[in-house]
């Protein structure tokens, strides 16, 4: 899959429930507005960003990324989540 790129990772802190979570910068831009996944508070703030390609590559399977080509995105989804969904329906 040629269009796959690693996303910059951003770590957030929620001041309401004192939790931390990581999101990809790409998904943040697509969502437009984010809230804490634990308590849905808007009282969050970013404080760490990883955009070094070498560090992102060292994360291996826990790194986040996306396909820039929509057709490759659909193919990748079908190969993974589509397959899981079909198995669950059995």
PDB file of N, CA and C in Angstrom:
ATOM      1  N   UNK A   1       0.845  -1.169   0.000  1.00  0.00           N
ATOM      2  CA  UNK A   1       0.000   0.000   0.000  1.00  0.00           C
ATOM      3  C   UNK A   1       0.898   1.242   0.000  1.00  0.00           C
ATOM      4  N   UNK A   2       0.974   1.859  -1.113  1.00  0.00           N
ATOM      5  CA  UNK A   2       1.924   2.946  -1.310  1.00  0.00           C
ATOM      6  C   UNK A   2       1.547   4.249  -0.620  1.00  0.00           C
ATOM      7  N   UNK A   3       0.269   4.473  -0.391  1.00  0.00           N
ATOM      8  CA  UNK A   3      -0.141   5.777   0.138  1.00  0.00           C
ATOM      9  C   UNK A   3      -0.203   5.817   1.667  1.00  0.00           C
ATOM     10  N   UNK A   4       0.227   4.769   2.349  1.00  0.00           N
ATOM     11  CA  UNK A   4       0.160   4.733   3.811  1.00  0.00           C
ATOM     12  C   UNK A   4       1.249   5.621   4.414  1.00  0.00           C
ATOM     13  N   UNK A   5       0.857   6.513   5.300  1.00  0.00           N
ATOM     14  CA  UNK A   5       1.805   7.384   5.994  1.00  0.00           C
ATOM     15  C   UNK A   5       1.530   7.322   7.491  1.00  0.00           C
ATOM     16  N   UNK A   6       2.586   7.453   8.280  1.00  0.00           N
ATOM     17  CA  UNK A   6       2.433   7.495   9.729  1.00  0.00           C
ATOM     18  C   UNK A   6       1.953   8.883  10.147  1.00  0.00           C
ATOM     19  N   UNK A   7       1.049   8.918  11.091  1.00  0.00           N
ATOM     20  CA  UNK A   7       0.519  10.184  11.593  1.00  0.00           C
ATOM     21  C   UNK A   7       1.367  10.703  12.741  1.00  0.00           C
ATOM     22  N   UNK A   8       1.390  12.019  12.864  1.00  0.00           N
ATOM     23  CA  UNK A   8       1.989  12.634  14.041  1.00  0.00           C
ATOM     24  C   UNK A   8       1.084  12.320  15.220  1.00  0.00           C
ATOM     25  N   UNK A   9       1.677  11.973  16.348  1.00  0.00           N
ATOM     26  CA  UNK A   9       0.899  11.616  17.531  1.00  0.00           C
ATOM     27  C   UNK A   9       0.894  12.769  18.538  1.00  0.00           C
ATOM     28  N   UNK A  10      -0.264  12.999  19.126  1.00  0.00           N
ATOM     29  CA  UNK A  10      -0.415  14.076  20.099  1.00  0.00           C
ATOM     30  C   UNK A  10      -0.994  13.484  21.383  1.00  0.00           C
ATOM     31  N   UNK A  11      -0.318  13.747  22.498  1.00  0.00           N
ATOM     32  CA  UNK A  11      -0.782  13.267  23.800  1.00  0.00           C
ATOM     33  C   UNK A  11      -1.549  14.391  24.491  1.00  0.00           C
ATOM     34  N   UNK A  12      -2.702  14.042  25.046  1.00  0.00           N
ATOM     35  CA  UNK A  12      -3.575  15.007  25.712  1.00  0.00           C
ATOM     36  C   UNK A  12      -3.755  14.663  27.174  1.00  0.00           C
ATOM     37  N   UNK A  13      -4.036  15.683  27.955  1.00  0.00           N
ATOM     38  CA  UNK A  13      -4.382  15.514  29.368  1.00  0.00           C
ATOM     39  C   UNK A  13      -5.764  16.121  29.576  1.00  0.00           C
ATOM     40  N   UNK A  14      -6.639  15.387  30.276  1.00  0.00           N
ATOM     41  CA  UNK A  14      -7.968  15.879  30.615  1.00  0.00           C
ATOM     42  C   UNK A  14      -7.922  16.402  32.050  1.00  0.00           C
ATOM     43  N   UNK A  15      -8.294  17.662  32.212  1.00  0.00           N
ATOM     44  CA  UNK A  15      -8.268  18.278  33.539  1.00  0.00           C
ATOM     45  C   UNK A  15      -9.514  17.929  34.353  1.00  0.00           C
ATOM     46  N   UNK A  16     -10.521  17.367  33.709  1.00  0.00           N
ATOM     47  CA  UNK A  16     -11.733  16.986  34.426  1.00  0.00           C
ATOM     48  C   UNK A  16     -11.557  15.644  35.155  1.00  0.00           C
ATOM     49  N   UNK A  17     -11.096  14.620  34.432  1.00  0.00           N
ATOM     50  CA  UNK A  17     -10.951  13.283  35.042  1.00  0.00           C
ATOM     51  C   UNK A  17      -9.500  12.877  35.269  1.00  0.00           C
ATOM     52  N   UNK A  18      -8.555  13.765  34.921  1.00  0.00           N
ATOM     53  CA  UNK A  18      -7.128  13.535  35.117  1.00  0.00           C
ATOM     54  C   UNK A  18      -6.588  12.357  34.308  1.00  0.00           C
ATOM     55  N   UNK A  19      -7.210  12.067  33.166  1.00  0.00           N
ATOM     56  CA  UNK A  19      -6.758  10.983  32.289  1.00  0.00           C
ATOM     57  C   UNK A  19      -5.888  11.534  31.171  1.00  0.00           C
ATOM     58  N   UNK A  20      -5.164  10.640  30.529  1.00  0.00           N
ATOM     59  CA  UNK A  20      -4.355  11.001  29.373  1.00  0.00           C
ATOM     60  C   UNK A  20      -4.703  10.077  28.227  1.00  0.00           C
ATOM     61  N   UNK A  21      -4.576  10.586  27.005  1.00  0.00           N
ATOM     62  CA  UNK A  21      -4.859   9.784  25.824  1.00  0.00           C
ATOM     63  C   UNK A  21      -4.074  10.327  24.640  1.00  0.00           C
ATOM     64  N   UNK A  22      -3.885   9.483  23.634  1.00  0.00           N
ATOM     65  CA  UNK A  22      -3.107   9.838  22.446  1.00  0.00           C
ATOM     66  C   UNK A  22      -4.023   9.773  21.236  1.00  0.00           C
ATOM     67  N   UNK A  23      -3.915  10.778  20.394  1.00  0.00           N
ATOM     68  CA  UNK A  23      -4.659  10.823  19.135  1.00  0.00           C
ATOM     69  C   UNK A  23      -3.694  11.153  18.007  1.00  0.00           C
ATOM     70  N   UNK A  24      -4.078  10.807  16.795  1.00  0.00           N
ATOM     71  CA  UNK A  24      -3.254  11.192  15.652  1.00  0.00           C
ATOM     72  C   UNK A  24      -3.697  12.575  15.189  1.00  0.00           C
ATOM     73  N   UNK A  25      -2.728  13.374  14.789  1.00  0.00           N
ATOM     74  CA  UNK A  25      -3.021  14.737  14.331  1.00  0.00           C
ATOM     75  C   UNK A  25      -3.977  14.726  13.140  1.00  0.00           C
ATOM     76  N   UNK A  26      -3.841  13.728  12.278  1.00  0.00           N
ATOM     77  CA  UNK A  26      -4.721  13.598  11.109  1.00  0.00           C
ATOM     78  C   UNK A  26      -6.177  13.422  11.536  1.00  0.00           C
ATOM     79  N   UNK A  27      -6.428  12.546  12.492  1.00  0.00           N
ATOM     80  CA  UNK A  27      -7.798  12.310  12.965  1.00  0.00           C
ATOM     81  C   UNK A  27      -8.358  13.526  13.689  1.00  0.00           C
ATOM     82  N   UNK A  28      -7.500  14.251  14.393  1.00  0.00           N
ATOM     83  CA  UNK A  28      -7.932  15.460  15.085  1.00  0.00           C
ATOM     84  C   UNK A  28      -8.429  16.482  14.067  1.00  0.00           C
ATOM     85  N   UNK A  29      -7.665  16.647  12.990  1.00  0.00           N
ATOM     86  CA  UNK A  29      -8.061  17.609  11.949  1.00  0.00           C
ATOM     87  C   UNK A  29      -9.363  17.192  11.274  1.00  0.00           C
ATOM     88  N   UNK A  30      -9.536  15.886  11.055  1.00  0.00           N
ATOM     89  CA  UNK A  30     -10.773  15.397  10.429  1.00  0.00           C
ATOM     90  C   UNK A  30     -11.978  15.581  11.355  1.00  0.00           C
ATOM     91  N   UNK A  31     -11.785  15.370  12.646  1.00  0.00           N
ATOM     92  CA  UNK A  31     -12.880  15.480  13.606  1.00  0.00           C
ATOM     93  C   UNK A  31     -13.252  16.941  13.856  1.00  0.00           C
ATOM     94  N   UNK A  32     -12.283  17.805  13.804  1.00  0.00           N
ATOM     95  CA  UNK A  32     -12.540  19.214  14.043  1.00  0.00           C
ATOM     96  C   UNK A  32     -12.573  19.565  15.514  1.00  0.00           C
ATOM     97  N   UNK A  33     -13.338  18.842  16.294  1.00  0.00           N
ATOM     98  CA  UNK A  33     -13.463  19.106  17.731  1.00  0.00           C
ATOM     99  C   UNK A  33     -13.289  17.790  18.473  1.00  0.00           C
ATOM    100  N   UNK A  34     -12.526  17.789  19.524  1.00  0.00           N
ATOM    101  CA  UNK A  34     -12.328  16.554  20.276  1.00  0.00           C
ATOM    102  C   UNK A  34     -12.707  16.756  21.735  1.00  0.00           C
ATOM    103  N   UNK A  35     -13.044  15.649  22.370  1.00  0.00           N
ATOM    104  CA  UNK A  35     -13.345  15.621  23.796  1.00  0.00           C
ATOM    105  C   UNK A  35     -12.609  14.441  24.409  1.00  0.00           C
ATOM    106  N   UNK A  36     -12.555  14.417  25.720  1.00  0.00           N
ATOM    107  CA  UNK A  36     -11.920  13.311  26.427  1.00  0.00           C
ATOM    108  C   UNK A  36     -12.706  12.024  26.154  1.00  0.00           C
ATOM    109  N   UNK A  37     -12.041  10.936  25.753  1.00  0.00           N
ATOM    110  CA  UNK A  37     -12.762   9.688  25.478  1.00  0.00           C
ATOM    111  C   UNK A  37     -13.308   9.014  26.746  1.00  0.00           C
ATOM    112  N   UNK A  38     -12.835   9.435  27.909  1.00  0.00           N
ATOM    113  CA  UNK A  38     -13.263   8.821  29.160  1.00  0.00           C
ATOM    114  C   UNK A  38     -14.461   9.524  29.783  1.00  0.00           C
ATOM    115  N   UNK A  39     -14.426  10.863  29.814  1.00  0.00           N
ATOM    116  CA  UNK A  39     -15.507  11.602  30.484  1.00  0.00           C
ATOM    117  C   UNK A  39     -16.225  12.586  29.560  1.00  0.00           C
ATOM    118  N   UNK A  40     -15.793  12.691  28.316  1.00  0.00           N
ATOM    119  CA  UNK A  40     -16.352  13.576  27.287  1.00  0.00           C
ATOM    120  C   UNK A  40     -16.191  15.063  27.618  1.00  0.00           C
ATOM    121  N   UNK A  41     -15.294  15.391  28.500  1.00  0.00           N
ATOM    122  CA  UNK A  41     -15.026  16.785  28.841  1.00  0.00           C
ATOM    123  C   UNK A  41     -14.295  17.479  27.698  1.00  0.00           C
ATOM    124  N   UNK A  42     -14.514  18.771  27.567  1.00  0.00           N
ATOM    125  CA  UNK A  42     -13.789  19.579  26.591  1.00  0.00           C
ATOM    126  C   UNK A  42     -12.556  20.215  27.223  1.00  0.00           C
ATOM    127  N   UNK A  43     -12.367  20.005  28.524  1.00  0.00           N
ATOM    128  CA  UNK A  43     -11.251  20.597  29.260  1.00  0.00           C
ATOM    129  C   UNK A  43      -9.976  19.796  29.090  1.00  0.00           C
ATOM    130  N   UNK A  44      -9.477  19.723  27.861  1.00  0.00           N
ATOM    131  CA  UNK A  44      -8.271  18.944  27.568  1.00  0.00           C
ATOM    132  C   UNK A  44      -7.207  19.857  26.973  1.00  0.00           C
ATOM    133  N   UNK A  45      -5.975  19.405  27.073  1.00  0.00           N
ATOM    134  CA  UNK A  45      -4.878  20.178  26.504  1.00  0.00           C
ATOM    135  C   UNK A  45      -3.786  19.233  26.030  1.00  0.00           C
ATOM    136  N   UNK A  46      -3.239  19.525  24.865  1.00  0.00           N
ATOM    137  CA  UNK A  46      -2.130  18.724  24.351  1.00  0.00           C
ATOM    138  C   UNK A  46      -0.846  19.188  25.022  1.00  0.00           C
ATOM    139  N   UNK A  47       0.071  18.224  25.214  1.00  0.00           N
ATOM    140  CA  UNK A  47       1.336  18.620  25.809  1.00  0.00           C
ATOM    141  C   UNK A  47       2.537  17.866  25.276  1.00  0.00           C
ATOM    142  N   UNK A  48       2.332  16.865  24.434  1.00  0.00           N
ATOM    143  CA  UNK A  48       3.447  16.152  23.813  1.00  0.00           C
ATOM    144  C   UNK A  48       3.057  15.846  22.382  1.00  0.00           C
ATOM    145  N   UNK A  49       4.000  16.036  21.478  1.00  0.00           N
ATOM    146  CA  UNK A  49       3.748  15.704  20.070  1.00  0.00           C
ATOM    147  C   UNK A  49       4.951  14.936  19.537  1.00  0.00           C
ATOM    148  N   UNK A  50       4.693  13.816  18.882  1.00  0.00           N
ATOM    149  CA  UNK A  50       5.769  13.041  18.260  1.00  0.00           C
ATOM    150  C   UNK A  50       5.574  13.124  16.755  1.00  0.00           C
ATOM    151  N   UNK A  51       6.553  13.689  16.068  1.00  0.00           N
ATOM    152  CA  UNK A  51       6.483  13.721  14.613  1.00  0.00           C
ATOM    153  C   UNK A  51       7.793  13.296  13.970  1.00  0.00           C
ATOM    154  N   UNK A  52       8.688  12.720  14.758  1.00  0.00           N
ATOM    155  CA  UNK A  52       9.954  12.193  14.259  1.00  0.00           C
ATOM    156  C   UNK A  52       9.701  10.826  13.628  1.00  0.00           C
ATOM    157  N   UNK A  53       9.983  10.693  12.328  1.00  0.00           N
ATOM    158  CA  UNK A  53       9.679   9.441  11.608  1.00  0.00           C
ATOM    159  C   UNK A  53      10.391   8.235  12.204  1.00  0.00           C
ATOM    160  N   UNK A  54      11.622   8.407  12.649  1.00  0.00           N
ATOM    161  CA  UNK A  54      12.349   7.278  13.237  1.00  0.00           C
ATOM    162  C   UNK A  54      11.677   6.800  14.524  1.00  0.00           C
ATOM    163  N   UNK A  55      11.249   7.729  15.364  1.00  0.00           N
ATOM    164  CA  UNK A  55      10.568   7.359  16.603  1.00  0.00           C
ATOM    165  C   UNK A  55       9.219   6.714  16.315  1.00  0.00           C
ATOM    166  N   UNK A  56       8.505   7.241  15.324  1.00  0.00           N
ATOM    167  CA  UNK A  56       7.211   6.657  14.963  1.00  0.00           C
ATOM    168  C   UNK A  56       7.388   5.241  14.420  1.00  0.00           C
ATOM    169  N   UNK A  57       8.410   5.020  13.613  1.00  0.00           N
ATOM    170  CA  UNK A  57       8.673   3.685  13.074  1.00  0.00           C
ATOM    171  C   UNK A  57       9.025   2.689  14.169  1.00  0.00           C
ATOM    172  N   UNK A  58       9.690   3.143  15.225  1.00  0.00           N
ATOM    173  CA  UNK A  58      10.053   2.260  16.336  1.00  0.00           C
ATOM    174  C   UNK A  58       8.827   1.806  17.130  1.00  0.00           C
ATOM    175  N   UNK A  59       7.716   2.544  17.035  1.00  0.00           N
ATOM    176  CA  UNK A  59       6.491   2.137  17.727  1.00  0.00           C
ATOM    177  C   UNK A  59       5.889   0.869  17.117  1.00  0.00           C
ATOM    178  N   UNK A  60       6.241   0.590  15.876  1.00  0.00           N
ATOM    179  CA  UNK A  60       5.743  -0.623  15.226  1.00  0.00           C
ATOM    180  C   UNK A  60       4.231  -0.642  15.103  1.00  0.00           C
ATOM    181  N   UNK A  61       3.617  -1.719  15.567  1.00  0.00           N
ATOM    182  CA  UNK A  61       2.182  -1.908  15.368  1.00  0.00           C
ATOM    183  C   UNK A  61       1.313  -0.977  16.202  1.00  0.00           C
ATOM    184  N   UNK A  62       1.881  -0.260  17.175  1.00  0.00           N
ATOM    185  CA  UNK A  62       1.049   0.664  17.943  1.00  0.00           C
ATOM    186  C   UNK A  62       1.063   2.076  17.371  1.00  0.00           C
ATOM    187  N   UNK A  63       1.803   2.274  16.291  1.00  0.00           N
ATOM    188  CA  UNK A  63       1.792   3.572  15.623  1.00  0.00           C
ATOM    189  C   UNK A  63       0.459   3.748  14.900  1.00  0.00           C
ATOM    190  N   UNK A  64       0.075   4.990  14.660  1.00  0.00           N
ATOM    191  CA  UNK A  64      -1.158   5.285  13.939  1.00  0.00           C
ATOM    192  C   UNK A  64      -0.807   5.885  12.587  1.00  0.00           C
ATOM    193  N   UNK A  65      -1.598   5.559  11.599  1.00  0.00           N
ATOM    194  CA  UNK A  65      -1.362   6.095  10.271  1.00  0.00           C
ATOM    195  C   UNK A  65      -2.637   6.096   9.460  1.00  0.00           C
ATOM    196  N   UNK A  66      -2.520   6.548   8.226  1.00  0.00           N
ATOM    197  CA  UNK A  66      -3.676   6.568   7.330  1.00  0.00           C
ATOM    198  C   UNK A  66      -3.202   6.452   5.883  1.00  0.00           C
ATOM    199  N   UNK A  67      -4.126   6.113   5.006  1.00  0.00           N
ATOM    200  CA  UNK A  67      -3.850   6.052   3.574  1.00  0.00           C
ATOM    201  C   UNK A  67      -4.267   7.374   2.952  1.00  0.00           C
ATOM    202  N   UNK A  68      -3.406   7.942   2.130  1.00  0.00           N
ATOM    203  CA  UNK A  68      -3.757   9.180   1.449  1.00  0.00           C
ATOM    204  C   UNK A  68      -4.624   8.913   0.227  1.00  0.00           C
ATOM    205  N   UNK A  69      -4.588   7.694  -0.298  1.00  0.00           N
ATOM    206  CA  UNK A  69      -5.421   7.294  -1.434  1.00  0.00           C
ATOM    207  C   UNK A  69      -6.700   6.647  -0.908  1.00  0.00           C
ATOM    208  N   UNK A  70      -7.869   7.230  -1.187  1.00  0.00           N
ATOM    209  CA  UNK A  70      -9.129   6.679  -0.671  1.00  0.00           C
ATOM    210  C   UNK A  70      -9.395   5.233  -1.090  1.00  0.00           C
ATOM    211  N   UNK A  71      -8.968   4.840  -2.274  1.00  0.00           N
ATOM    212  CA  UNK A  71      -9.178   3.461  -2.731  1.00  0.00           C
ATOM    213  C   UNK A  71      -8.340   2.489  -1.901  1.00  0.00           C
ATOM    214  N   UNK A  72      -7.107   2.849  -1.616  1.00  0.00           N
ATOM    215  CA  UNK A  72      -6.276   2.011  -0.750  1.00  0.00           C
ATOM    216  C   UNK A  72      -6.852   1.941   0.660  1.00  0.00           C
ATOM    217  N   UNK A  73      -7.434   3.041   1.133  1.00  0.00           N
ATOM    218  CA  UNK A  73      -8.074   3.063   2.458  1.00  0.00           C
ATOM    219  C   UNK A  73      -9.219   2.062   2.507  1.00  0.00           C
ATOM    220  N   UNK A  74     -10.059   2.052   1.464  1.00  0.00           N
ATOM    221  CA  UNK A  74     -11.187   1.108   1.403  1.00  0.00           C
ATOM    222  C   UNK A  74     -10.695  -0.336   1.333  1.00  0.00           C
ATOM    223  N   UNK A  75      -9.667  -0.577   0.533  1.00  0.00           N
ATOM    224  CA  UNK A  75      -9.114  -1.925   0.408  1.00  0.00           C
ATOM    225  C   UNK A  75      -8.549  -2.404   1.742  1.00  0.00           C
ATOM    226  N   UNK A  76      -7.808  -1.538   2.411  1.00  0.00           N
ATOM    227  CA  UNK A  76      -7.228  -1.889   3.707  1.00  0.00           C
ATOM    228  C   UNK A  76      -8.315  -2.172   4.735  1.00  0.00           C
ATOM    229  N   UNK A  77      -9.342  -1.346   4.759  1.00  0.00           N
ATOM    230  CA  UNK A  77     -10.446  -1.546   5.698  1.00  0.00           C
ATOM    231  C   UNK A  77     -11.115  -2.900   5.436  1.00  0.00           C
ATOM    232  N   UNK A  78     -11.371  -3.193   4.191  1.00  0.00           N
ATOM    233  CA  UNK A  78     -12.042  -4.448   3.835  1.00  0.00           C
ATOM    234  C   UNK A  78     -11.189  -5.650   4.236  1.00  0.00           C
ATOM    235  N   UNK A  79      -9.874  -5.543   4.082  1.00  0.00           N
ATOM    236  CA  UNK A  79      -8.978  -6.657   4.414  1.00  0.00           C
ATOM    237  C   UNK A  79      -8.900  -6.907   5.915  1.00  0.00           C
ATOM    238  N   UNK A  80      -9.160  -5.903   6.725  1.00  0.00           N
ATOM    239  CA  UNK A  80      -9.057  -6.076   8.171  1.00  0.00           C
ATOM    240  C   UNK A  80     -10.433  -6.045   8.823  1.00  0.00           C
ATOM    241  N   UNK A  81     -11.004  -4.862   8.989  1.00  0.00           N
ATOM    242  CA  UNK A  81     -12.270  -4.727   9.716  1.00  0.00           C
ATOM    243  C   UNK A  81     -13.435  -5.360   8.971  1.00  0.00           C
ATOM    244  N   UNK A  82     -13.432  -5.309   7.652  1.00  0.00           N
ATOM    245  CA  UNK A  82     -14.493  -5.960   6.896  1.00  0.00           C
ATOM    246  C   UNK A  82     -14.505  -7.461   7.156  1.00  0.00           C
ATOM    247  N   UNK A  83     -13.329  -8.040   7.209  1.00  0.00           N
ATOM    248  CA  UNK A  83     -13.203  -9.478   7.488  1.00  0.00           C
ATOM    249  C   UNK A  83     -13.690  -9.807   8.902  1.00  0.00           C
ATOM    250  N   UNK A  84     -13.321  -8.970   9.858  1.00  0.00           N
ATOM    251  CA  UNK A  84     -13.757  -9.187  11.242  1.00  0.00           C
ATOM    252  C   UNK A  84     -15.267  -9.086  11.333  1.00  0.00           C
ATOM    253  N   UNK A  85     -15.864  -8.100  10.686  1.00  0.00           N
ATOM    254  CA  UNK A  85     -17.317  -7.927  10.707  1.00  0.00           C
ATOM    255  C   UNK A  85     -18.024  -9.147  10.117  1.00  0.00           C
ATOM    256  N   UNK A  86     -17.504  -9.683   9.027  1.00  0.00           N
ATOM    257  CA  UNK A  86     -18.115 -10.875   8.408  1.00  0.00           C
ATOM    258  C   UNK A  86     -18.030 -12.066   9.337  1.00  0.00           C
ATOM    259  N   UNK A  87     -16.920 -12.225  10.053  1.00  0.00           N
ATOM    260  CA  UNK A  87     -16.754 -13.328  11.001  1.00  0.00           C
ATOM    261  C   UNK A  87     -17.743 -13.208  12.161  1.00  0.00           C
ATOM    262  N   UNK A  88     -17.966 -11.997  12.624  1.00  0.00           N
ATOM    263  CA  UNK A  88     -18.895 -11.769  13.733  1.00  0.00           C
ATOM    264  C   UNK A  88     -20.338 -12.078  13.342  1.00  0.00           C
ATOM    265  N   UNK A  89     -20.656 -11.885  12.080  1.00  0.00           N
ATOM    266  CA  UNK A  89     -22.024 -12.119  11.603  1.00  0.00           C
ATOM    267  C   UNK A  89     -22.354 -13.606  11.504  1.00  0.00           C
ATOM    268  N   UNK A  90     -21.363 -14.465  11.475  1.00  0.00           N
ATOM    269  CA  UNK A  90     -21.606 -15.910  11.345  1.00  0.00           C
ATOM    270  C   UNK A  90     -22.245 -16.484  12.581  1.00  0.00           C
TER     271      UNK A  90
END
